[in-house]
Amino acid sequence: MQSENRLFDDLAKVLNGAAGTLAGVGREAQENARARAREWVGGLDFVSRDEFEAVKAMAVAARDEADALKARLEALEGRHAVPADVA
């Protein structure tokens, strides 16, 4: 009876060690996959939200300035335009 208990104890120790090893391999594989995903995404040309908002604000300001200059140009051209019946 004593030998059976020892056999089960040894078997339990081996299975426990195998389970721990498999868990470690799983964690390592998961970390490796995450690192590869970060590397792949990092290689893409994404911009941060702050950079996007800054460029968006610059575009809005440039559009407003262009509209103001266009209105000013039309006003200046309207003042100096010669009527067609006079010329």
PDB file of N, CA and C in Angstrom:
ATOM      1  N   MET A   1       0.816  -1.186   0.000  1.00  0.00           N
ATOM      2  CA  MET A   1       0.000   0.000   0.000  1.00  0.00           C
ATOM      3  C   MET A   1       0.864   1.256   0.000  1.00  0.00           C
ATOM      4  N   GLN A   2       1.974   1.174   0.704  1.00  0.00           N
ATOM      5  CA  GLN A   2       2.876   2.319   0.781  1.00  0.00           C
ATOM      6  C   GLN A   2       3.421   2.671  -0.596  1.00  0.00           C
ATOM      7  N   SER A   3       3.741   1.707  -1.434  1.00  0.00           N
ATOM      8  CA  SER A   3       4.314   1.977  -2.748  1.00  0.00           C
ATOM      9  C   SER A   3       3.304   2.642  -3.668  1.00  0.00           C
ATOM     10  N   GLU A   4       2.030   2.314  -3.517  1.00  0.00           N
ATOM     11  CA  GLU A   4       0.996   2.944  -4.347  1.00  0.00           C
ATOM     12  C   GLU A   4       0.880   4.427  -4.029  1.00  0.00           C
ATOM     13  N   ASN A   5       0.931   4.782  -2.774  1.00  0.00           N
ATOM     14  CA  ASN A   5       0.843   6.186  -2.382  1.00  0.00           C
ATOM     15  C   ASN A   5       2.028   6.973  -2.922  1.00  0.00           C
ATOM     16  N   ARG A   6       3.189   6.348  -2.861  1.00  0.00           N
ATOM     17  CA  ARG A   6       4.362   7.035  -3.362  1.00  0.00           C
ATOM     18  C   ARG A   6       4.285   7.195  -4.879  1.00  0.00           C
ATOM     19  N   LEU A   7       3.764   6.210  -5.562  1.00  0.00           N
ATOM     20  CA  LEU A   7       3.596   6.283  -7.011  1.00  0.00           C
ATOM     21  C   LEU A   7       2.654   7.428  -7.376  1.00  0.00           C
ATOM     22  N   PHE A   8       1.548   7.537  -6.660  1.00  0.00           N
ATOM     23  CA  PHE A   8       0.597   8.624  -6.915  1.00  0.00           C
ATOM     24  C   PHE A   8       1.200   9.982  -6.574  1.00  0.00           C
ATOM     25  N   ASP A   9       1.983  10.038  -5.524  1.00  0.00           N
ATOM     26  CA  ASP A   9       2.654  11.296  -5.157  1.00  0.00           C
ATOM     27  C   ASP A   9       3.629  11.727  -6.255  1.00  0.00           C
ATOM     28  N   ASP A  10       4.402  10.764  -6.764  1.00  0.00           N
ATOM     29  CA  ASP A  10       5.354  11.083  -7.829  1.00  0.00           C
ATOM     30  C   ASP A  10       4.626  11.502  -9.108  1.00  0.00           C
ATOM     31  N   LEU A  11       3.547  10.806  -9.417  1.00  0.00           N
ATOM     32  CA  LEU A  11       2.758  11.142 -10.608  1.00  0.00           C
ATOM     33  C   LEU A  11       2.155  12.545 -10.470  1.00  0.00           C
ATOM     34  N   ALA A  12       1.685  12.862  -9.292  1.00  0.00           N
ATOM     35  CA  ALA A  12       1.110  14.192  -9.049  1.00  0.00           C
ATOM     36  C   ALA A  12       2.172  15.274  -9.204  1.00  0.00           C
ATOM     37  N   LYS A  13       3.381  15.001  -8.708  1.00  0.00           N
ATOM     38  CA  LYS A  13       4.463  15.967  -8.844  1.00  0.00           C
ATOM     39  C   LYS A  13       4.833  16.182 -10.306  1.00  0.00           C
ATOM     40  N   VAL A  14       4.886  15.115 -11.085  1.00  0.00           N
ATOM     41  CA  VAL A  14       5.218  15.225 -12.505  1.00  0.00           C
ATOM     42  C   VAL A  14       4.134  16.011 -13.242  1.00  0.00           C
ATOM     43  N   LEU A  15       2.877  15.688 -12.962  1.00  0.00           N
ATOM     44  CA  LEU A  15       1.779  16.405 -13.619  1.00  0.00           C
ATOM     45  C   LEU A  15       1.754  17.878 -13.214  1.00  0.00           C
ATOM     46  N   ASN A  16       2.047  18.153 -11.953  1.00  0.00           N
ATOM     47  CA  ASN A  16       2.105  19.543 -11.482  1.00  0.00           C
ATOM     48  C   ASN A  16       3.213  20.310 -12.200  1.00  0.00           C
ATOM     49  N   GLY A  17       4.359  19.686 -12.339  1.00  0.00           N
ATOM     50  CA  GLY A  17       5.468  20.331 -13.050  1.00  0.00           C
ATOM     51  C   GLY A  17       5.136  20.569 -14.512  1.00  0.00           C
ATOM     52  N   ALA A  18       4.483  19.593 -15.146  1.00  0.00           N
ATOM     53  CA  ALA A  18       4.105  19.740 -16.556  1.00  0.00           C
ATOM     54  C   ALA A  18       3.085  20.867 -16.726  1.00  0.00           C
ATOM     55  N   ALA A  19       2.135  20.950 -15.809  1.00  0.00           N
ATOM     56  CA  ALA A  19       1.126  22.011 -15.888  1.00  0.00           C
ATOM     57  C   ALA A  19       1.779  23.382 -15.722  1.00  0.00           C
ATOM     58  N   GLY A  20       2.722  23.484 -14.799  1.00  0.00           N
ATOM     59  CA  GLY A  20       3.425  24.758 -14.610  1.00  0.00           C
ATOM     60  C   GLY A  20       4.228  25.142 -15.832  1.00  0.00           C
ATOM     61  N   THR A  21       4.866  24.148 -16.449  1.00  0.00           N
ATOM     62  CA  THR A  21       5.654  24.410 -17.654  1.00  0.00           C
ATOM     63  C   THR A  21       4.754  24.854 -18.801  1.00  0.00           C
ATOM     64  N   LEU A  22       3.619  24.174 -18.975  1.00  0.00           N
ATOM     65  CA  LEU A  22       2.689  24.553 -20.039  1.00  0.00           C
ATOM     66  C   LEU A  22       2.121  25.955 -19.818  1.00  0.00           C
ATOM     67  N   ALA A  23       1.842  26.294 -18.572  1.00  0.00           N
ATOM     68  CA  ALA A  23       1.337  27.639 -18.273  1.00  0.00           C
ATOM     69  C   ALA A  23       2.394  28.691 -18.621  1.00  0.00           C
ATOM     70  N   GLY A  24       3.655  28.388 -18.297  1.00  0.00           N
ATOM     71  CA  GLY A  24       4.738  29.322 -18.623  1.00  0.00           C
ATOM     72  C   GLY A  24       4.906  29.487 -20.121  1.00  0.00           C
ATOM     73  N   VAL A  25       4.799  28.385 -20.851  1.00  0.00           N
ATOM     74  CA  VAL A  25       4.911  28.450 -22.307  1.00  0.00           C
ATOM     75  C   VAL A  25       3.761  29.272 -22.872  1.00  0.00           C
ATOM     76  N   GLY A  26       2.565  29.096 -22.326  1.00  0.00           N
ATOM     77  CA  GLY A  26       1.408  29.870 -22.786  1.00  0.00           C
ATOM     78  C   GLY A  26       1.581  31.359 -22.549  1.00  0.00           C
ATOM     79  N   ARG A  27       2.069  31.718 -21.355  1.00  0.00           N
ATOM     80  CA  ARG A  27       2.302  33.145 -21.055  1.00  0.00           C
ATOM     81  C   ARG A  27       3.355  33.733 -21.981  1.00  0.00           C
ATOM     82  N   GLU A  28       4.413  32.972 -22.218  1.00  0.00           N
ATOM     83  CA  GLU A  28       5.479  33.451 -23.094  1.00  0.00           C
ATOM     84  C   GLU A  28       4.980  33.641 -24.524  1.00  0.00           C
ATOM     85  N   ALA A  29       4.154  32.706 -25.003  1.00  0.00           N
ATOM     86  CA  ALA A  29       3.603  32.824 -26.349  1.00  0.00           C
ATOM     87  C   ALA A  29       2.686  34.043 -26.452  1.00  0.00           C
ATOM     88  N   GLN A  30       1.895  34.284 -25.416  1.00  0.00           N
ATOM     89  CA  GLN A  30       0.994  35.436 -25.410  1.00  0.00           C
ATOM     90  C   GLN A  30       1.787  36.749 -25.417  1.00  0.00           C
ATOM     91  N   GLU A  31       2.817  36.826 -24.613  1.00  0.00           N
ATOM     92  CA  GLU A  31       3.644  38.034 -24.579  1.00  0.00           C
ATOM     93  C   GLU A  31       4.356  38.252 -25.911  1.00  0.00           C
ATOM     94  N   ASN A  32       4.802  37.182 -26.528  1.00  0.00           N
ATOM     95  CA  ASN A  32       5.464  37.280 -27.830  1.00  0.00           C
ATOM     96  C   ASN A  32       4.485  37.772 -28.891  1.00  0.00           C
ATOM     97  N   ALA A  33       3.254  37.260 -28.853  1.00  0.00           N
ATOM     98  CA  ALA A  33       2.241  37.699 -29.816  1.00  0.00           C
ATOM     99  C   ALA A  33       1.922  39.180 -29.618  1.00  0.00           C
ATOM    100  N   ARG A  34       1.815  39.609 -28.380  1.00  0.00           N
ATOM    101  CA  ARG A  34       1.541  41.029 -28.104  1.00  0.00           C
ATOM    102  C   ARG A  34       2.687  41.908 -28.597  1.00  0.00           C
ATOM    103  N   ALA A  35       3.912  41.471 -28.371  1.00  0.00           N
ATOM    104  CA  ALA A  35       5.070  42.248 -28.819  1.00  0.00           C
ATOM    105  C   ALA A  35       5.093  42.358 -30.336  1.00  0.00           C
ATOM    106  N   ARG A  36       4.778  41.262 -31.023  1.00  0.00           N
ATOM    107  CA  ARG A  36       4.741  41.308 -32.491  1.00  0.00           C
ATOM    108  C   ARG A  36       3.624  42.218 -32.987  1.00  0.00           C
ATOM    109  N   ALA A  37       2.471  42.191 -32.315  1.00  0.00           N
ATOM    110  CA  ALA A  37       1.361  43.062 -32.704  1.00  0.00           C
ATOM    111  C   ALA A  37       1.735  44.533 -32.498  1.00  0.00           C
ATOM    112  N   ARG A  38       2.371  44.844 -31.370  1.00  0.00           N
ATOM    113  CA  ARG A  38       2.808  46.229 -31.129  1.00  0.00           C
ATOM    114  C   ARG A  38       3.811  46.670 -32.187  1.00  0.00           C
ATOM    115  N   GLU A  39       4.724  45.782 -32.535  1.00  0.00           N
ATOM    116  CA  GLU A  39       5.732  46.086 -33.548  1.00  0.00           C
ATOM    117  C   GLU A  39       5.074  46.334 -34.908  1.00  0.00           C
ATOM    118  N   TRP A  40       4.083  45.508 -35.250  1.00  0.00           N
ATOM    119  CA  TRP A  40       3.396  45.650 -36.532  1.00  0.00           C
ATOM    120  C   TRP A  40       2.600  46.955 -36.578  1.00  0.00           C
ATOM    121  N   VAL A  41       1.853  47.242 -35.514  1.00  0.00           N
ATOM    122  CA  VAL A  41       1.056  48.466 -35.463  1.00  0.00           C
ATOM    123  C   VAL A  41       1.974  49.680 -35.404  1.00  0.00           C
ATOM    124  N   GLY A  42       3.082  49.575 -34.702  1.00  0.00           N
ATOM    125  CA  GLY A  42       4.028  50.688 -34.602  1.00  0.00           C
ATOM    126  C   GLY A  42       4.655  51.022 -35.946  1.00  0.00           C
ATOM    127  N   GLY A  43       4.751  50.048 -36.832  1.00  0.00           N
ATOM    128  CA  GLY A  43       5.332  50.288 -38.149  1.00  0.00           C
ATOM    129  C   GLY A  43       4.383  51.016 -39.087  1.00  0.00           C
ATOM    130  N   LEU A  44       3.105  51.016 -38.759  1.00  0.00           N
ATOM    131  CA  LEU A  44       2.132  51.721 -39.594  1.00  0.00           C
ATOM    132  C   LEU A  44       2.207  53.216 -39.309  1.00  0.00           C
ATOM    133  N   ASP A  45       1.785  54.008 -40.255  1.00  0.00           N
ATOM    134  CA  ASP A  45       1.882  55.455 -40.105  1.00  0.00           C
ATOM    135  C   ASP A  45       0.605  56.029 -39.496  1.00  0.00           C
ATOM    136  N   PHE A  46       0.349  55.680 -38.258  1.00  0.00           N
ATOM    137  CA  PHE A  46      -0.789  56.238 -37.549  1.00  0.00           C
ATOM    138  C   PHE A  46      -0.356  57.519 -36.854  1.00  0.00           C
ATOM    139  N   VAL A  47      -1.291  58.426 -36.678  1.00  0.00           N
ATOM    140  CA  VAL A  47      -1.009  59.649 -35.931  1.00  0.00           C
ATOM    141  C   VAL A  47      -1.808  59.599 -34.633  1.00  0.00           C
ATOM    142  N   SER A  48      -1.330  60.322 -33.658  1.00  0.00           N
ATOM    143  CA  SER A  48      -2.050  60.362 -32.383  1.00  0.00           C
ATOM    144  C   SER A  48      -3.249  61.304 -32.513  1.00  0.00           C
ATOM    145  N   ARG A  49      -4.156  61.195 -31.581  1.00  0.00           N
ATOM    146  CA  ARG A  49      -5.352  62.040 -31.577  1.00  0.00           C
ATOM    147  C   ARG A  49      -4.951  63.504 -31.448  1.00  0.00           C
ATOM    148  N   ASP A  50      -3.945  63.808 -30.629  1.00  0.00           N
ATOM    149  CA  ASP A  50      -3.499  65.196 -30.447  1.00  0.00           C
ATOM    150  C   ASP A  50      -2.956  65.773 -31.751  1.00  0.00           C
ATOM    151  N   GLU A  51      -2.138  64.979 -32.457  1.00  0.00           N
ATOM    152  CA  GLU A  51      -1.599  65.453 -33.736  1.00  0.00           C
ATOM    153  C   GLU A  51      -2.720  65.687 -34.744  1.00  0.00           C
ATOM    154  N   PHE A  52      -3.690  64.775 -34.780  1.00  0.00           N
ATOM    155  CA  PHE A  52      -4.812  64.919 -35.699  1.00  0.00           C
ATOM    156  C   PHE A  52      -5.605  66.188 -35.404  1.00  0.00           C
ATOM    157  N   GLU A  53      -5.900  66.421 -34.128  1.00  0.00           N
ATOM    158  CA  GLU A  53      -6.668  67.611 -33.752  1.00  0.00           C
ATOM    159  C   GLU A  53      -5.902  68.891 -34.070  1.00  0.00           C
ATOM    160  N   ALA A  54      -4.587  68.884 -33.890  1.00  0.00           N
ATOM    161  CA  ALA A  54      -3.779  70.072 -34.188  1.00  0.00           C
ATOM    162  C   ALA A  54      -3.814  70.386 -35.684  1.00  0.00           C
ATOM    163  N   VAL A  55      -3.656  69.359 -36.514  1.00  0.00           N
ATOM    164  CA  VAL A  55      -3.683  69.575 -37.963  1.00  0.00           C
ATOM    165  C   VAL A  55      -5.080  69.981 -38.411  1.00  0.00           C
ATOM    166  N   LYS A  56      -6.089  69.416 -37.784  1.00  0.00           N
ATOM    167  CA  LYS A  56      -7.478  69.786 -38.112  1.00  0.00           C
ATOM    168  C   LYS A  56      -7.725  71.264 -37.796  1.00  0.00           C
ATOM    169  N   ALA A  57      -7.235  71.729 -36.651  1.00  0.00           N
ATOM    170  CA  ALA A  57      -7.395  73.143 -36.269  1.00  0.00           C
ATOM    171  C   ALA A  57      -6.645  74.043 -37.243  1.00  0.00           C
ATOM    172  N   MET A  58      -5.459  73.613 -37.677  1.00  0.00           N
ATOM    173  CA  MET A  58      -4.706  74.403 -38.655  1.00  0.00           C
ATOM    174  C   MET A  58      -5.456  74.487 -39.981  1.00  0.00           C
ATOM    175  N   ALA A  59      -6.083  73.398 -40.399  1.00  0.00           N
ATOM    176  CA  ALA A  59      -6.840  73.394 -41.656  1.00  0.00           C
ATOM    177  C   ALA A  59      -8.045  74.320 -41.568  1.00  0.00           C
ATOM    178  N   VAL A  60      -8.735  74.301 -40.438  1.00  0.00           N
ATOM    179  CA  VAL A  60      -9.893  75.186 -40.254  1.00  0.00           C
ATOM    180  C   VAL A  60      -9.443  76.645 -40.293  1.00  0.00           C
ATOM    181  N   ALA A  61      -8.342  76.962 -39.619  1.00  0.00           N
ATOM    182  CA  ALA A  61      -7.835  78.340 -39.617  1.00  0.00           C
ATOM    183  C   ALA A  61      -7.422  78.765 -41.026  1.00  0.00           C
ATOM    184  N   ALA A  62      -6.775  77.870 -41.769  1.00  0.00           N
ATOM    185  CA  ALA A  62      -6.358  78.201 -43.135  1.00  0.00           C
ATOM    186  C   ALA A  62      -7.574  78.418 -44.030  1.00  0.00           C
ATOM    187  N   ARG A  63      -8.617  77.595 -43.853  1.00  0.00           N
ATOM    188  CA  ARG A  63      -9.829  77.762 -44.654  1.00  0.00           C
ATOM    189  C   ARG A  63     -10.515  79.086 -44.333  1.00  0.00           C
ATOM    190  N   ASP A  64     -10.568  79.447 -43.049  1.00  0.00           N
ATOM    191  CA  ASP A  64     -11.176  80.724 -42.658  1.00  0.00           C
ATOM    192  C   ASP A  64     -10.390  81.898 -43.249  1.00  0.00           C
ATOM    193  N   GLU A  65      -9.069  81.805 -43.188  1.00  0.00           N
ATOM    194  CA  GLU A  65      -8.231  82.867 -43.740  1.00  0.00           C
ATOM    195  C   GLU A  65      -8.412  82.968 -45.255  1.00  0.00           C
ATOM    196  N   ALA A  66      -8.495  81.845 -45.932  1.00  0.00           N
ATOM    197  CA  ALA A  66      -8.689  81.849 -47.388  1.00  0.00           C
ATOM    198  C   ALA A  66     -10.037  82.462 -47.748  1.00  0.00           C
ATOM    199  N   ASP A  67     -11.076  82.126 -46.967  1.00  0.00           N
ATOM    200  CA  ASP A  67     -12.394  82.717 -47.225  1.00  0.00           C
ATOM    201  C   ASP A  67     -12.375  84.220 -47.008  1.00  0.00           C
ATOM    202  N   ALA A  68     -11.698  84.677 -45.966  1.00  0.00           N
ATOM    203  CA  ALA A  68     -11.617  86.115 -45.699  1.00  0.00           C
ATOM    204  C   ALA A  68     -10.851  86.827 -46.817  1.00  0.00           C
ATOM    205  N   LEU A  69      -9.751  86.225 -47.274  1.00  0.00           N
ATOM    206  CA  LEU A  69      -8.984  86.844 -48.371  1.00  0.00           C
ATOM    207  C   LEU A  69      -9.776  86.850 -49.676  1.00  0.00           C
ATOM    208  N   LYS A  70     -10.543  85.809 -49.901  1.00  0.00           N
ATOM    209  CA  LYS A  70     -11.374  85.757 -51.110  1.00  0.00           C
ATOM    210  C   LYS A  70     -12.435  86.855 -51.079  1.00  0.00           C
ATOM    211  N   ALA A  71     -13.070  87.026 -49.919  1.00  0.00           N
ATOM    212  CA  ALA A  71     -14.080  88.080 -49.785  1.00  0.00           C
ATOM    213  C   ALA A  71     -13.438  89.458 -49.965  1.00  0.00           C
ATOM    214  N   ARG A  72     -12.262  89.654 -49.425  1.00  0.00           N
ATOM    215  CA  ARG A  72     -11.565  90.932 -49.564  1.00  0.00           C
ATOM    216  C   ARG A  72     -11.201  91.200 -51.022  1.00  0.00           C
ATOM    217  N   LEU A  73     -10.713  90.163 -51.706  1.00  0.00           N
ATOM    218  CA  LEU A  73     -10.363  90.297 -53.116  1.00  0.00           C
ATOM    219  C   LEU A  73     -11.593  90.633 -53.959  1.00  0.00           C
ATOM    220  N   GLU A  74     -12.700  89.962 -53.676  1.00  0.00           N
ATOM    221  CA  GLU A  74     -13.928  90.252 -54.428  1.00  0.00           C
ATOM    222  C   GLU A  74     -14.398  91.681 -54.166  1.00  0.00           C
ATOM    223  N   ALA A  75     -14.242  92.158 -52.941  1.00  0.00           N
ATOM    224  CA  ALA A  75     -14.637  93.533 -52.617  1.00  0.00           C
ATOM    225  C   ALA A  75     -13.746  94.523 -53.344  1.00  0.00           C
ATOM    226  N   LEU A  76     -12.442  94.253 -53.369  1.00  0.00           N
ATOM    227  CA  LEU A  76     -11.528  95.148 -54.076  1.00  0.00           C
ATOM    228  C   LEU A  76     -11.787  95.137 -55.586  1.00  0.00           C
ATOM    229  N   GLU A  77     -12.008  93.991 -56.151  1.00  0.00           N
ATOM    230  CA  GLU A  77     -12.286  93.901 -57.581  1.00  0.00           C
ATOM    231  C   GLU A  77     -13.614  94.553 -57.916  1.00  0.00           C
ATOM    232  N   GLY A  78     -14.567  94.472 -57.025  1.00  0.00           N
ATOM    233  CA  GLY A  78     -15.880  95.075 -57.246  1.00  0.00           C
ATOM    234  C   GLY A  78     -15.816  96.591 -57.240  1.00  0.00           C
ATOM    235  N   ARG A  79     -14.930  97.158 -56.427  1.00  0.00           N
ATOM    236  CA  ARG A  79     -14.798  98.605 -56.357  1.00  0.00           C
ATOM    237  C   ARG A  79     -14.155  99.170 -57.608  1.00  0.00           C
ATOM    238  N   HIS A  80     -13.194  98.464 -58.153  1.00  0.00           N
ATOM    239  CA  HIS A  80     -12.428  98.984 -59.284  1.00  0.00           C
ATOM    240  C   HIS A  80     -12.909  98.447 -60.621  1.00  0.00           C
ATOM    241  N   ALA A  81     -13.979  97.693 -60.623  1.00  0.00           N
ATOM    242  CA  ALA A  81     -14.455  97.134 -61.888  1.00  0.00           C
ATOM    243  C   ALA A  81     -15.079  98.252 -62.731  1.00  0.00           C
ATOM    244  N   VAL A  82     -14.767  98.179 -63.984  1.00  0.00           N
ATOM    245  CA  VAL A  82     -15.323  99.167 -64.926  1.00  0.00           C
ATOM    246  C   VAL A  82     -16.582  98.566 -65.528  1.00  0.00           C
ATOM    247  N   PRO A  83     -17.682  99.287 -65.473  1.00  0.00           N
ATOM    248  CA  PRO A  83     -18.918  98.751 -66.086  1.00  0.00           C
ATOM    249  C   PRO A  83     -18.718  98.487 -67.566  1.00  0.00           C
ATOM    250  N   ALA A  84     -19.348  97.473 -68.063  1.00  0.00           N
ATOM    251  CA  ALA A  84     -19.166  97.038 -69.460  1.00  0.00           C
ATOM    252  C   ALA A  84     -19.712  98.079 -70.431  1.00  0.00           C
ATOM    253  N   ASP A  85     -20.756  98.837 -70.115  1.00  0.00           N
ATOM    254  CA  ASP A  85     -21.333  99.819 -71.056  1.00  0.00           C
ATOM    255  C   ASP A  85     -20.483 101.074 -71.154  1.00  0.00           C
ATOM    256  N   VAL A  86     -19.616 101.363 -70.174  1.00  0.00           N
ATOM    257  CA  VAL A  86     -18.764 102.534 -70.205  1.00  0.00           C
ATOM    258  C   VAL A  86     -17.540 102.275 -71.097  1.00  0.00           C
ATOM    259  N   ALA A  87     -17.028 101.099 -71.059  1.00  0.00           N
ATOM    260  CA  ALA A  87     -15.816 100.817 -71.799  1.00  0.00           C
ATOM    261  C   ALA A  87     -16.059 100.651 -73.215  1.00  0.00           C
TER     262      ALA A  87
END
